Amino acid sequence: SFLRGGTLETYSKWGSPWGPWDEERGLAFWRLVDALGGAVDYLFVAPWVRTGGGDLVLVQYIESVRRLDPDASIALLTTEPDASTRLGDIADGVRVIELREHFSEFVDREWIVSHLLPQLLTQLPPKTLHIFNSTVGFDVVERFGRQLRNDSAIFLSSFVTDRTPDGER
C-alpha cells in the first residue's frame, strides 16, 4: 500500500481552488489516513464503545486478537456521531479513530459510506475487517464487499438487525 502515516504533512492540493465541500472531504480522508498510520492487520468497525453488552463483546474480541496475535497492528473505527464513553476499556496499543470527529455538513453519513470508507479500505486494506454492529460498516460491505474481499477477510457481527423487511432502518 502506498499511503502511510504522516501523509497529511506531504499532501498538497492541485487544480482549481477547492470549495468547502472538497476541502473538508479531502482533509477528512487524509486525517483518517494519518490516524490509521498505514494498513493494519485487524480493523474493527463499530458504532461506538459505550455501555451495551455488545460493546463488552467487542472489547473481548479485541483482547482475544491481542492475546493470540500479540505483534498484530489493530485499529478500532467508530462510526456514529455519539461519543464513545468506554474507550479506556480498549487494549493498549489499539489505534482508536472516532469518525464523529470528522463529521460536518460536508462529511455526512452517505459520503462516508459511498466514498470515504471504501477509498480508505481499498487503499489501506486491513488483513481482517470485522464490522461489529455498525450500520455504516454494513452499508459499506453491502455496496463494496466484492471489491474489499479481494484484499481483506471480512467478518460481520450483529446483535440487532435494525432494518425492516422493506429496507427501513
Protein backbone atom coordinates (compact mmCIF):
# COMPACT_ATOMS: atom_id res chain seq x y z
CA SER A 1 0.00 0.00 0.00
CA PHE A 2 1.29 3.45 -0.81
CA LEU A 3 -0.41 5.51 1.91
CA ARG A 4 1.47 5.83 5.18
CA GLY A 5 1.28 7.74 8.44
CA GLY A 6 2.48 11.31 8.09
CA THR A 7 0.99 11.58 4.59
CA LEU A 8 -1.00 14.64 5.60
CA GLU A 9 2.19 16.67 6.00
CA THR A 10 3.25 15.93 2.42
CA TYR A 11 -0.23 16.42 0.93
CA SER A 12 -0.68 19.28 -1.50
CA LYS A 13 -3.76 20.30 -3.46
CA TRP A 14 -3.78 20.63 -7.20
CA GLY A 15 -6.24 22.02 -9.71
CA SER A 16 -8.71 24.84 -9.29
CA PRO A 17 -9.30 26.40 -5.91
CA TRP A 18 -11.22 23.96 -3.77
CA GLY A 19 -14.64 24.79 -2.38
CA PRO A 20 -15.62 23.91 1.18
CA TRP A 21 -17.06 20.52 0.14
CA ASP A 22 -13.87 19.29 -1.49
CA GLU A 23 -11.66 20.96 1.11
CA GLU A 24 -13.33 19.37 4.12
CA ARG A 25 -13.83 15.97 2.48
CA GLY A 26 -10.22 15.81 1.35
CA LEU A 27 -8.95 16.77 4.80
CA ALA A 28 -11.22 14.17 6.45
CA PHE A 29 -9.72 11.45 4.24
CA TRP A 30 -6.12 12.45 4.89
CA ARG A 31 -6.72 12.81 8.63
CA LEU A 32 -8.08 9.26 8.70
CA VAL A 33 -5.07 8.02 6.74
CA ASP A 34 -2.79 9.74 9.22
CA ALA A 35 -4.72 8.46 12.26
CA LEU A 36 -4.66 4.91 10.92
CA GLY A 37 -0.91 5.15 10.34
CA GLY A 38 -0.90 2.72 7.41
CA ALA A 39 -2.60 -0.58 6.70
CA VAL A 40 -3.39 -2.59 9.82
CA ASP A 41 -3.70 -6.31 10.37
CA TYR A 42 -7.10 -6.06 12.09
CA LEU A 43 -9.62 -3.26 11.68
CA PHE A 44 -12.74 -3.33 13.86
CA VAL A 45 -15.61 -1.03 12.83
CA ALA A 46 -18.25 -0.36 15.50
CA PRO A 47 -20.82 2.37 16.07
CA TRP A 48 -19.22 3.31 19.43
CA VAL A 49 -17.93 1.81 22.64
CA ARG A 50 -20.44 2.66 25.35
CA THR A 51 -22.43 0.69 27.89
CA GLY A 52 -24.06 -2.18 25.99
CA GLY A 53 -23.33 -5.87 26.19
CA GLY A 54 -22.28 -5.82 22.53
CA ASP A 55 -19.60 -3.30 23.43
CA LEU A 56 -18.24 -5.70 26.04
CA VAL A 57 -18.11 -8.46 23.42
CA LEU A 58 -16.24 -6.10 21.07
CA VAL A 59 -13.69 -5.35 23.80
CA GLN A 60 -13.24 -9.09 24.35
CA TYR A 61 -12.78 -9.73 20.60
CA ILE A 62 -10.04 -7.11 20.50
CA GLU A 63 -8.39 -8.55 23.61
CA SER A 64 -8.53 -12.04 22.06
CA VAL A 65 -6.80 -10.83 18.91
CA ARG A 66 -4.13 -9.11 21.03
CA ARG A 67 -3.61 -12.32 23.04
CA LEU A 68 -3.50 -14.65 20.01
CA ASP A 69 -1.52 -12.35 17.71
CA PRO A 70 0.48 -10.04 20.03
CA ASP A 71 2.52 -8.43 17.25
CA ALA A 72 -0.50 -7.57 15.10
CA SER A 73 -1.50 -3.99 14.41
CA ILE A 74 -5.09 -3.34 15.46
CA ALA A 75 -7.37 -0.36 14.94
CA LEU A 76 -10.92 0.44 16.00
CA LEU A 77 -13.00 2.84 13.95
CA THR A 78 -16.24 4.14 15.49
CA THR A 79 -18.83 5.32 13.01
CA GLU A 80 -21.63 7.16 14.83
CA PRO A 81 -21.81 10.81 15.87
CA ASP A 82 -22.33 9.81 19.52
CA ALA A 83 -19.22 9.86 21.68
CA SER A 84 -17.77 6.62 22.99
CA THR A 85 -17.66 6.55 26.77
CA ARG A 86 -15.65 3.35 27.37
CA LEU A 87 -12.56 3.77 25.22
CA GLY A 88 -10.47 3.16 28.34
CA ASP A 89 -11.57 -0.49 28.11
CA ILE A 90 -9.80 -0.92 24.75
CA ALA A 91 -6.49 -2.79 24.92
CA ASP A 92 -3.27 -0.78 24.92
CA GLY A 93 -1.70 -0.32 21.52
CA VAL A 94 -5.00 -0.31 19.61
CA ARG A 95 -5.41 2.77 17.43
CA VAL A 96 -8.85 4.28 18.06
CA ILE A 97 -10.38 6.59 15.48
CA GLU A 98 -13.77 8.18 16.07
CA LEU A 99 -15.34 9.29 12.79
CA ARG A 100 -17.55 11.74 14.70
CA GLU A 101 -14.50 13.99 14.89
CA HIS A 102 -14.70 14.33 11.10
CA PHE A 103 -18.48 14.71 10.61
CA SER A 104 -19.77 18.03 9.29
CA GLU A 105 -22.35 19.26 6.83
CA PHE A 106 -19.85 18.28 4.12
CA VAL A 107 -18.70 14.95 5.58
CA ASP A 108 -22.01 13.20 6.13
CA ARG A 109 -23.01 9.57 6.57
CA GLU A 110 -23.81 8.95 2.90
CA TRP A 111 -20.47 10.30 1.72
CA ILE A 112 -18.66 8.26 4.36
CA VAL A 113 -20.42 5.10 3.09
CA SER A 114 -20.11 5.83 -0.60
CA HIS A 115 -16.61 7.35 -0.74
CA LEU A 116 -14.57 7.83 2.43
CA LEU A 117 -14.51 4.32 3.90
CA PRO A 118 -14.43 2.42 0.58
CA GLN A 119 -11.45 4.51 -0.55
CA LEU A 120 -9.68 4.08 2.79
CA LEU A 121 -10.33 0.31 2.87
CA THR A 122 -9.18 -0.09 -0.73
CA GLN A 123 -6.00 1.94 -0.43
CA LEU A 124 -5.09 0.68 3.06
CA PRO A 125 -6.68 -2.76 3.15
CA PRO A 126 -6.63 -4.46 6.54
CA LYS A 127 -5.86 -8.18 6.54
CA THR A 128 -9.03 -8.70 8.58
CA LEU A 129 -12.02 -6.36 8.62
CA HIS A 130 -14.59 -7.00 11.36
CA ILE A 131 -17.77 -4.95 11.14
CA PHE A 132 -19.34 -5.05 14.57
CA ASN A 133 -22.92 -3.74 14.87
CA SER A 134 -22.13 -0.72 12.66
CA THR A 135 -24.81 0.10 10.09
CA VAL A 136 -22.25 2.35 8.37
CA GLY A 137 -19.86 -0.62 8.11
CA PHE A 138 -22.66 -2.95 6.98
CA ASP A 139 -23.64 -0.48 4.23
CA VAL A 140 -20.04 -0.26 3.01
CA VAL A 141 -19.73 -4.06 2.84
CA GLU A 142 -23.16 -4.36 1.20
CA ARG A 143 -22.11 -1.94 -1.57
CA PHE A 144 -18.40 -2.76 -1.93
CA GLY A 145 -17.88 -6.15 -0.29
CA ARG A 146 -16.94 -7.92 -3.54
CA GLN A 147 -14.10 -5.49 -4.13
CA LEU A 148 -12.98 -5.37 -0.49
CA ARG A 149 -12.84 -9.14 -0.09
CA ASN A 150 -10.01 -9.28 -2.65
CA ASP A 151 -7.59 -7.95 -0.01
CA SER A 152 -9.38 -8.41 3.33
CA ALA A 153 -11.09 -11.22 5.18
CA ILE A 154 -14.46 -9.73 6.13
CA PHE A 155 -16.48 -10.63 9.22
CA LEU A 156 -19.85 -9.16 10.21
CA SER A 157 -21.27 -9.39 13.72
CA SER A 158 -24.71 -8.11 14.63
CA PHE A 159 -26.67 -8.35 17.83
CA VAL A 160 -29.62 -6.41 16.46
CA THR A 161 -30.66 -6.05 12.84
CA ASP A 162 -32.02 -2.53 12.57
CA ARG A 163 -33.77 -2.90 9.24
CA THR A 164 -37.33 -3.84 8.42
CA PRO A 165 -38.02 -6.26 5.52
CA ASP A 166 -38.69 -3.26 3.25
CA GLY A 167 -35.27 -1.75 3.96
CA GLU A 168 -36.20 0.86 6.56
CA ARG A 169 -33.70 1.42 9.35
